[in-house]
C-alpha atoms as a PDB file:
ATOM      1  CA  MET A   1     104.394 106.316  94.904  1.00  0.00           C
ATOM      2  CA  ALA A   2     105.819 107.573  91.635  1.00  0.00           C
ATOM      3  CA  HIS A   3     103.281 110.391  91.498  1.00  0.00           C
ATOM      4  CA  GLU A   4     100.564 112.025  93.560  1.00  0.00           C
ATOM      5  CA  ALA A   5      97.571 109.834  94.381  1.00  0.00           C
ATOM      6  CA  PRO A   6      94.589 110.494  92.091  1.00  0.00           C
ATOM      7  CA  VAL A   7      91.431 112.008  93.555  1.00  0.00           C
ATOM      8  CA  VAL A   8      88.192 110.078  93.045  1.00  0.00           C
ATOM      9  CA  LYS A   9      84.813 111.506  93.994  1.00  0.00           C
ATOM     10  CA  VAL A  10      82.557 109.263  96.087  1.00  0.00           C
ATOM     11  CA  GLU A  11      78.882 109.345  96.951  1.00  0.00           C
ATOM     12  CA  LEU A  12      77.439 108.003 100.195  1.00  0.00           C
ATOM     13  CA  ARG A  13      75.176 104.974  99.869  1.00  0.00           C
ATOM     14  CA  GLU A  14      72.058 105.355 101.972  1.00  0.00           C
ATOM     15  CA  LYS A  15      70.361 102.209 100.704  1.00  0.00           C
ATOM     16  CA  LEU A  16      72.222  98.899 100.997  1.00  0.00           C
ATOM     17  CA  GLY A  17      71.569  95.385  99.775  1.00  0.00           C
ATOM     18  CA  THR A  18      71.892  93.329  96.596  1.00  0.00           C
ATOM     19  CA  THR A  19      69.049  95.046  94.751  1.00  0.00           C
ATOM     20  CA  TYR A  20      70.402  98.562  95.262  1.00  0.00           C
ATOM     21  CA  ALA A  21      73.975  97.467  94.531  1.00  0.00           C
ATOM     22  CA  ARG A  22      72.792  95.985  91.223  1.00  0.00           C
ATOM     23  CA  ARG A  23      71.057  99.249  90.348  1.00  0.00           C
ATOM     24  CA  LEU A  24      74.238 101.181  91.073  1.00  0.00           C
ATOM     25  CA  ARG A  25      76.303  98.965  88.773  1.00  0.00           C
ATOM     26  CA  LYS A  26      73.763  99.319  85.978  1.00  0.00           C
ATOM     27  CA  SER A  27      74.108 103.105  86.288  1.00  0.00           C
ATOM     28  CA  GLY A  28      77.901 102.880  85.938  1.00  0.00           C
ATOM     29  CA  ARG A  29      78.763 103.222  89.614  1.00  0.00           C
ATOM     30  CA  LEU A  30      80.631 100.704  91.745  1.00  0.00           C
ATOM     31  CA  PRO A  31      79.560  99.907  95.337  1.00  0.00           C
ATOM     32  CA  ALA A  32      82.413 100.331  97.820  1.00  0.00           C
ATOM     33  CA  THR A  33      83.133 100.320 101.536  1.00  0.00           C
ATOM     34  CA  ILE A  34      85.704 102.438 103.393  1.00  0.00           C
ATOM     35  CA  TYR A  35      87.243 100.840 106.482  1.00  0.00           C
ATOM     36  CA  GLY A  36      89.377 102.562 109.085  1.00  0.00           C
ATOM     37  CA  LYS A  37      90.736 101.995 112.557  1.00  0.00           C
ATOM     38  CA  GLY A  38      88.570 103.530 115.230  1.00  0.00           C
ATOM     39  CA  SER A  39      85.699 104.328 112.877  1.00  0.00           C
ATOM     40  CA  ASP A  40      82.706 102.481 111.503  1.00  0.00           C
ATOM     41  CA  PRO A  41      82.736 101.289 107.865  1.00  0.00           C
ATOM     42  CA  VAL A  42      81.301 103.819 105.408  1.00  0.00           C
ATOM     43  CA  SER A  43      79.302 102.635 102.393  1.00  0.00           C
ATOM     44  CA  VAL A  44      79.968 104.671  99.254  1.00  0.00           C
ATOM     45  CA  SER A  45      80.006 104.359  95.477  1.00  0.00           C
ATOM     46  CA  VAL A  46      82.558 105.432  92.869  1.00  0.00           C
ATOM     47  CA  ASP A  47      82.422 105.906  89.129  1.00  0.00           C
ATOM     48  CA  GLU A  48      83.354 102.462  87.799  1.00  0.00           C
ATOM     49  CA  ARG A  49      85.145 103.603  84.642  1.00  0.00           C
ATOM     50  CA  GLU A  50      87.181 106.232  86.488  1.00  0.00           C
ATOM     51  CA  PHE A  51      88.202 103.827  89.250  1.00  0.00           C
ATOM     52  CA  VAL A  52      89.160 100.997  86.872  1.00  0.00           C
ATOM     53  CA  THR A  53      91.264 103.446  84.843  1.00  0.00           C
ATOM     54  CA  HIS A  54      93.283 104.403  87.936  1.00  0.00           C
ATOM     55  CA  LEU A  55      93.549 100.769  89.021  1.00  0.00           C
ATOM     56  CA  THR A  56      94.827  99.686  85.602  1.00  0.00           C
ATOM     57  CA  ALA A  57      97.416 102.471  85.739  1.00  0.00           C
ATOM     58  CA  GLY A  58      98.854 100.875  88.889  1.00  0.00           C
ATOM     59  CA  ASN A  59      97.400 103.248  91.484  1.00  0.00           C
ATOM     60  CA  HIS A  60      97.009 101.365  94.761  1.00  0.00           C
ATOM     61  CA  VAL A  61      96.547 104.518  96.833  1.00  0.00           C
ATOM     62  CA  ILE A  62      93.671 106.876  96.082  1.00  0.00           C
ATOM     63  CA  GLU A  63      92.236 110.071  97.590  1.00  0.00           C
ATOM     64  CA  LEU A  64      88.481 109.688  98.079  1.00  0.00           C
ATOM     65  CA  ASP A  65      86.590 112.999  98.049  1.00  0.00           C
ATOM     66  CA  ASN A  66      83.010 113.106  99.332  1.00  0.00           C
ATOM     67  CA  GLY A  67      82.767 116.870  98.923  1.00  0.00           C
ATOM     68  CA  ASP A  68      83.540 117.884 102.505  1.00  0.00           C
ATOM     69  CA  GLY A  69      86.918 119.360 101.586  1.00  0.00           C
ATOM     70  CA  SER A  70      88.932 116.647 103.379  1.00  0.00           C
ATOM     71  CA  PRO A  71      89.729 113.786 101.000  1.00  0.00           C
ATOM     72  CA  ALA A  72      90.521 110.468 102.691  1.00  0.00           C
ATOM     73  CA  THR A  73      93.742 108.708 101.747  1.00  0.00           C
ATOM     74  CA  VAL A  74      92.906 105.036 101.186  1.00  0.00           C
ATOM     75  CA  LEU A  75      94.538 101.848 100.018  1.00  0.00           C
ATOM     76  CA  VAL A  76      92.722  99.476  97.692  1.00  0.00           C
ATOM     77  CA  LYS A  77      92.216  96.607 100.138  1.00  0.00           C
ATOM     78  CA  ASP A  78      90.114  94.069  98.265  1.00  0.00           C
ATOM     79  CA  LEU A  79      88.401  93.622  94.902  1.00  0.00           C
ATOM     80  CA  GLN A  80      85.338  91.442  94.514  1.00  0.00           C
ATOM     81  CA  PHE A  81      84.367  90.004  91.142  1.00  0.00           C
ATOM     82  CA  GLY A  82      81.218  88.328  89.812  1.00  0.00           C
ATOM     83  CA  TYR A  83      80.873  84.561  89.689  1.00  0.00           C
ATOM     84  CA  LEU A  84      82.416  84.450  86.199  1.00  0.00           C
ATOM     85  CA  GLY A  85      85.395  86.432  87.475  1.00  0.00           C
ATOM     86  CA  ASP A  86      85.313  88.933  84.619  1.00  0.00           C
ATOM     87  CA  ASN A  87      83.427  91.870  86.127  1.00  0.00           C
ATOM     88  CA  LEU A  88      84.241  93.974  89.180  1.00  0.00           C
ATOM     89  CA  ILE A  89      81.240  94.231  91.532  1.00  0.00           C
ATOM     90  CA  HIS A  90      82.611  95.724  94.773  1.00  0.00           C
ATOM     91  CA  VAL A  91      85.744  97.292  96.221  1.00  0.00           C
ATOM     92  CA  ASP A  92      86.979  97.693  99.794  1.00  0.00           C
ATOM     93  CA  PHE A  93      89.164 100.633 100.800  1.00  0.00           C
ATOM     94  CA  ALA A  94      91.242 101.004 103.971  1.00  0.00           C
ATOM     95  CA  ARG A  95      92.117 104.403 105.427  1.00  0.00           C
ATOM     96  CA  VAL A  96      95.887 104.816 105.682  1.00  0.00           C
ATOM     97  CA  ASP A  97      98.566 107.339 106.514  1.00  0.00           C
ATOM     98  CA  LEU A  98     101.242 108.001 103.901  1.00  0.00           C
ATOM     99  CA  LYS A  99     103.949 106.963 106.389  1.00  0.00           C
ATOM    100  CA  GLN A 100     102.111 103.831 107.485  1.00  0.00           C
ATOM    101  CA  VAL A 101     103.918 100.566 106.685  1.00  0.00           C
ATOM    102  CA  VAL A 102     101.669  98.155 104.790  1.00  0.00           C
ATOM    103  CA  THR A 103     101.952  94.752 103.147  1.00  0.00           C
ATOM    104  CA  ILE A 104     100.295  94.427  99.762  1.00  0.00           C
ATOM    105  CA  LYS A 105     100.251  92.039  96.815  1.00  0.00           C
ATOM    106  CA  MET A 106     101.528  93.327  93.507  1.00  0.00           C
ATOM    107  CA  THR A 107     101.189  91.709  90.097  1.00  0.00           C
ATOM    108  CA  LEU A 108     104.575  91.589  88.399  1.00  0.00           C
ATOM    109  CA  ASP A 109     105.222  93.115  84.979  1.00  0.00           C
ATOM    110  CA  ILE A 110     106.946  90.121  83.356  1.00  0.00           C
ATOM    111  CA  VAL A 111     108.712  90.519  80.008  1.00  0.00           C
ATOM    112  CA  GLY A 112     111.211  88.511  77.948  1.00  0.00           C
ATOM    113  CA  GLN A 113     112.271  84.873  78.169  1.00  0.00           C
ATOM    114  CA  PRO A 114     115.264  83.147  79.802  1.00  0.00           C
ATOM    115  CA  ALA A 115     118.095  82.084  77.487  1.00  0.00           C
ATOM    116  CA  ASN A 116     117.340  78.371  77.968  1.00  0.00           C
ATOM    117  CA  ALA A 117     113.607  78.733  77.290  1.00  0.00           C
ATOM    118  CA  SER A 118     114.189  78.004  73.594  1.00  0.00           C
ATOM    119  CA  ALA A 119     115.925  74.665  74.220  1.00  0.00           C
ATOM    120  CA  ALA A 120     114.260  71.439  73.062  1.00  0.00           C
ATOM    121  CA  GLY A 121     111.619  70.317  75.545  1.00  0.00           C
ATOM    122  CA  ALA A 122     111.916  73.542  77.563  1.00  0.00           C
ATOM    123  CA  VAL A 123     108.826  74.909  79.318  1.00  0.00           C
ATOM    124  CA  LEU A 124     108.742  78.318  80.988  1.00  0.00           C
ATOM    125  CA  GLU A 125     106.844  78.222  84.286  1.00  0.00           C
ATOM    126  CA  VAL A 126     105.851  81.268  86.367  1.00  0.00           C
ATOM    127  CA  PRO A 127     104.825  80.028  89.832  1.00  0.00           C
ATOM    128  CA  ARG A 128     104.686  83.573  91.256  1.00  0.00           C
ATOM    129  CA  PRO A 129     103.126  86.108  88.874  1.00  0.00           C
ATOM    130  CA  GLU A 130     102.543  88.315  91.929  1.00  0.00           C
ATOM    131  CA  ILE A 131     104.400  88.859  95.195  1.00  0.00           C
ATOM    132  CA  GLU A 132     103.841  90.489  98.570  1.00  0.00           C
ATOM    133  CA  ILE A 133     105.862  93.598  99.342  1.00  0.00           C
ATOM    134  CA  GLU A 134     106.246  95.676 102.496  1.00  0.00           C
ATOM    135  CA  CYS A 135     106.796  99.423 102.474  1.00  0.00           C
ATOM    136  CA  MET A 136     105.357 102.780 103.524  1.00  0.00           C
ATOM    137  CA  VAL A 137     102.219 103.798 101.684  1.00  0.00           C
ATOM    138  CA  LYS A 138     104.075 106.687 100.054  1.00  0.00           C
ATOM    139  CA  ASP A 139     106.649 104.254  98.626  1.00  0.00           C
ATOM    140  CA  ILE A 140     104.263 101.817  96.939  1.00  0.00           C
ATOM    141  CA  PRO A 141     105.540 101.461  93.353  1.00  0.00           C
ATOM    142  CA  GLU A 142     103.282 101.646  90.311  1.00  0.00           C
ATOM    143  CA  SER A 143     104.708  98.351  89.058  1.00  0.00           C
ATOM    144  CA  ILE A 144     107.586  95.916  89.499  1.00  0.00           C
ATOM    145  CA  ARG A 145     109.260  94.873  86.274  1.00  0.00           C
ATOM    146  CA  VAL A 146     110.736  91.414  85.772  1.00  0.00           C
ATOM    147  CA  ASP A 147     113.024  91.035  82.749  1.00  0.00           C
ATOM    148  CA  LEU A 148     113.504  87.291  82.230  1.00  0.00           C
ATOM    149  CA  SER A 149     115.918  87.839  79.343  1.00  0.00           C
ATOM    150  CA  THR A 150     118.644  88.671  81.876  1.00  0.00           C
ATOM    151  CA  VAL A 151     118.847  85.094  83.225  1.00  0.00           C
ATOM    152  CA  GLU A 152     119.550  81.626  81.818  1.00  0.00           C
ATOM    153  CA  ASP A 153     116.823  79.551  83.417  1.00  0.00           C
ATOM    154  CA  VAL A 154     115.806  80.809  86.899  1.00  0.00           C
ATOM    155  CA  PHE A 155     114.583  84.172  88.195  1.00  0.00           C
ATOM    156  CA  THR A 156     114.143  84.432  91.964  1.00  0.00           C
ATOM    157  CA  ILE A 157     112.676  87.032  94.301  1.00  0.00           C
ATOM    158  CA  GLY A 158     116.251  87.960  95.186  1.00  0.00           C
ATOM    159  CA  ASP A 159     116.832  88.943  91.536  1.00  0.00           C
ATOM    160  CA  LEU A 160     114.192  91.673  91.723  1.00  0.00           C
ATOM    161  CA  GLU A 161     115.312  95.289  91.516  1.00  0.00           C
ATOM    162  CA  LEU A 162     113.044  96.891  94.109  1.00  0.00           C
ATOM    163  CA  PRO A 163     112.814 100.648  94.749  1.00  0.00           C
ATOM    164  CA  ASP A 164     114.291 102.129  97.913  1.00  0.00           C
ATOM    165  CA  GLY A 165     112.135 101.451 100.951  1.00  0.00           C
ATOM    166  CA  VAL A 166     110.442  98.429  99.366  1.00  0.00           C
ATOM    167  CA  LYS A 167     111.208  94.849 100.377  1.00  0.00           C
ATOM    168  CA  ALA A 168     109.774  91.484  99.425  1.00  0.00           C
ATOM    169  CA  VAL A 169     108.094  89.444 102.149  1.00  0.00           C
ATOM    170  CA  LEU A 170     109.031  85.955 100.924  1.00  0.00           C
ATOM    171  CA  ASP A 171     112.465  84.300 100.998  1.00  0.00           C
ATOM    172  CA  PRO A 172     114.761  85.664  98.230  1.00  0.00           C
ATOM    173  CA  GLU A 173     115.461  82.110  97.022  1.00  0.00           C
ATOM    174  CA  ARG A 174     111.818  81.521  96.018  1.00  0.00           C
ATOM    175  CA  HIS A 175     111.330  81.243  92.275  1.00  0.00           C
ATOM    176  CA  ILE A 176     109.328  83.774  90.319  1.00  0.00           C
ATOM    177  CA  ALA A 177     109.973  81.971  87.036  1.00  0.00           C
ATOM    178  CA  HIS A 178     112.060  79.035  85.873  1.00  0.00           C
ATOM    179  CA  VAL A 179     112.647  76.810  82.872  1.00  0.00           C
ATOM    180  CA  THR A 180     111.760  73.132  83.152  1.00  0.00           C
ATOM    181  CA  ILE A 181     113.015  70.531  80.673  1.00  0.00           C
ATOM    182  CA  VAL A 182     110.348  67.972  79.841  1.00  0.00           C
ATOM    183  CA  ALA A 183     111.962  64.499  79.704  1.00  0.00           C
ATOM    184  CA  GLU A 184     109.478  63.176  77.137  1.00  0.00           C
ATOM    185  CA  ALA A 185     110.884  65.586  74.588  1.00  0.00           C
ATOM    186  CA  ASP A 186     114.130  63.582  74.337  1.00  0.00           C
ATOM    187  CA  GLU A 187     112.217  60.352  73.749  1.00  0.00           C
ATOM    188  CA  THR A 188     110.073  61.961  71.052  1.00  0.00           C
ATOM    189  CA  GLU A 189     113.146  63.238  69.252  1.00  0.00           C
ATOM    190  CA  ALA A 190     114.736  59.797  69.354  1.00  0.00           C
ATOM    191  CA  ILE A 191     111.662  58.196  67.777  1.00  0.00           C
ATOM    192  CA  GLU A 192     111.510  60.851  65.063  1.00  0.00           C
ATOM    193  CA  ASP A 193     115.189  60.182  64.250  1.00  0.00           C
ATOM    194  CA  GLY A 194     114.454  56.467  63.762  1.00  0.00           C
ATOM    195  CA  GLU A 195     116.132  55.291  66.934  1.00  0.00           C
ATOM    196  CA  GLU A 196     114.621  52.486  68.969  1.00  0.00           C
ATOM    197  CA  LEU A 197     114.176  53.128  72.664  1.00  0.00           C
ATOM    198  CA  THR A 198     115.481  50.197  74.690  1.00  0.00           C
ATOM    199  CA  PRO A 199     113.805  49.825  78.070  1.00  0.00           C
ATOM    200  CA  GLU A 200     116.113  49.978  81.060  1.00  0.00           C
ATOM    201  CA  VAL A 201     116.879  46.504  82.477  1.00  0.00           C
ATOM    202  CA  ILE A 202     116.305  46.471  86.227  1.00  0.00           C
ATOM    203  CA  SER A 203     117.534  42.854  86.756  1.00  0.00           C
ATOM    204  CA  SER A 204     118.210  39.782  84.622  1.00  0.00           C
ATOM    205  CA  SER A 205     116.222  36.545  84.955  1.00  0.00           C
ATOM    206  CA  ASP A 206     119.233  34.812  86.548  1.00  0.00           C
ATOM    207  CA  ASP A 207     119.516  37.546  89.161  1.00  0.00           C
ATOM    208  CA  ALA A 208     115.800  37.405  89.872  1.00  0.00           C
ATOM    209  CA  SER A 209     115.777  33.624  90.355  1.00  0.00           C
ATOM    210  CA  SER A 210     118.840  33.652  92.568  1.00  0.00           C
ATOM    211  CA  ASN A 211     117.230  36.250  94.809  1.00  0.00           C
ATOM    212  CA  ASP A 212     113.831  34.523  95.081  1.00  0.00           C
ATOM    213  CA  SER A 213     114.987  32.280  97.877  1.00  0.00           C
ATOM    214  CA  GLY A 214     115.844  35.251 100.075  1.00  0.00           C
ATOM    215  CA  SER A 215     113.040  37.534  99.040  1.00  0.00           C
ATOM    216  CA  ASP A 216     110.988  36.816 102.168  1.00  0.00           C
ATOM    217  CA  GLU A 217     113.849  37.494 104.555  1.00  0.00           C
ATOM    218  CA  GLY A 218     114.373  40.834 106.177  1.00  0.00           C
ATOM    219  CA  GLY A 219     110.991  42.389 105.259  1.00  0.00           C
ATOM    220  CA  ASP A 220     110.355  46.102 104.797  1.00  0.00           C
ATOM    221  CA  GLU A 221     112.112  48.552 107.062  1.00  0.00           C
END
């Protein structure tokens, strides 16, 4: 982590269920559950605005303080959104040790465009806007920057500059972003320039007739 994990105060949830969770959200608090090995899940709530602020800042590890003087170090395990996908309704935390090795997904900070992205018919595609990384909890980066302006047309996982102690899970040859040339663009340009597109001739009529007699021989392999 680039800096110390932020401390977020939590309150225990004594009443569970959809109705009480809805009331919490209306009051500005977010229902949450803390999971940990060897212990039962603990239902809590956090201040929604405070938590979202830390999450937006790239904090994946948080210290949860319930007032007992022993904050729990947790990793943001899962985020649940409403059916429209635009509002956070629940969060799951997992207790971790700072030296524990974890695998998490990180959204990439993608900037710039490849050199060939401005070519005629070029389309920039980003098949992997996020990747899985493996590292100790203490080494989880705030963000991973991808500068596409440093390549011509392809940026792979192997091109990433990862901090010490952090490694990508997928094969380094997998594409994060690439430029695809759309074939129809060439045809459109030809029409605009007044050129006539001549269809490709697969076979002439003479060739077709000469081959008819043997067309039933051999069959499909």
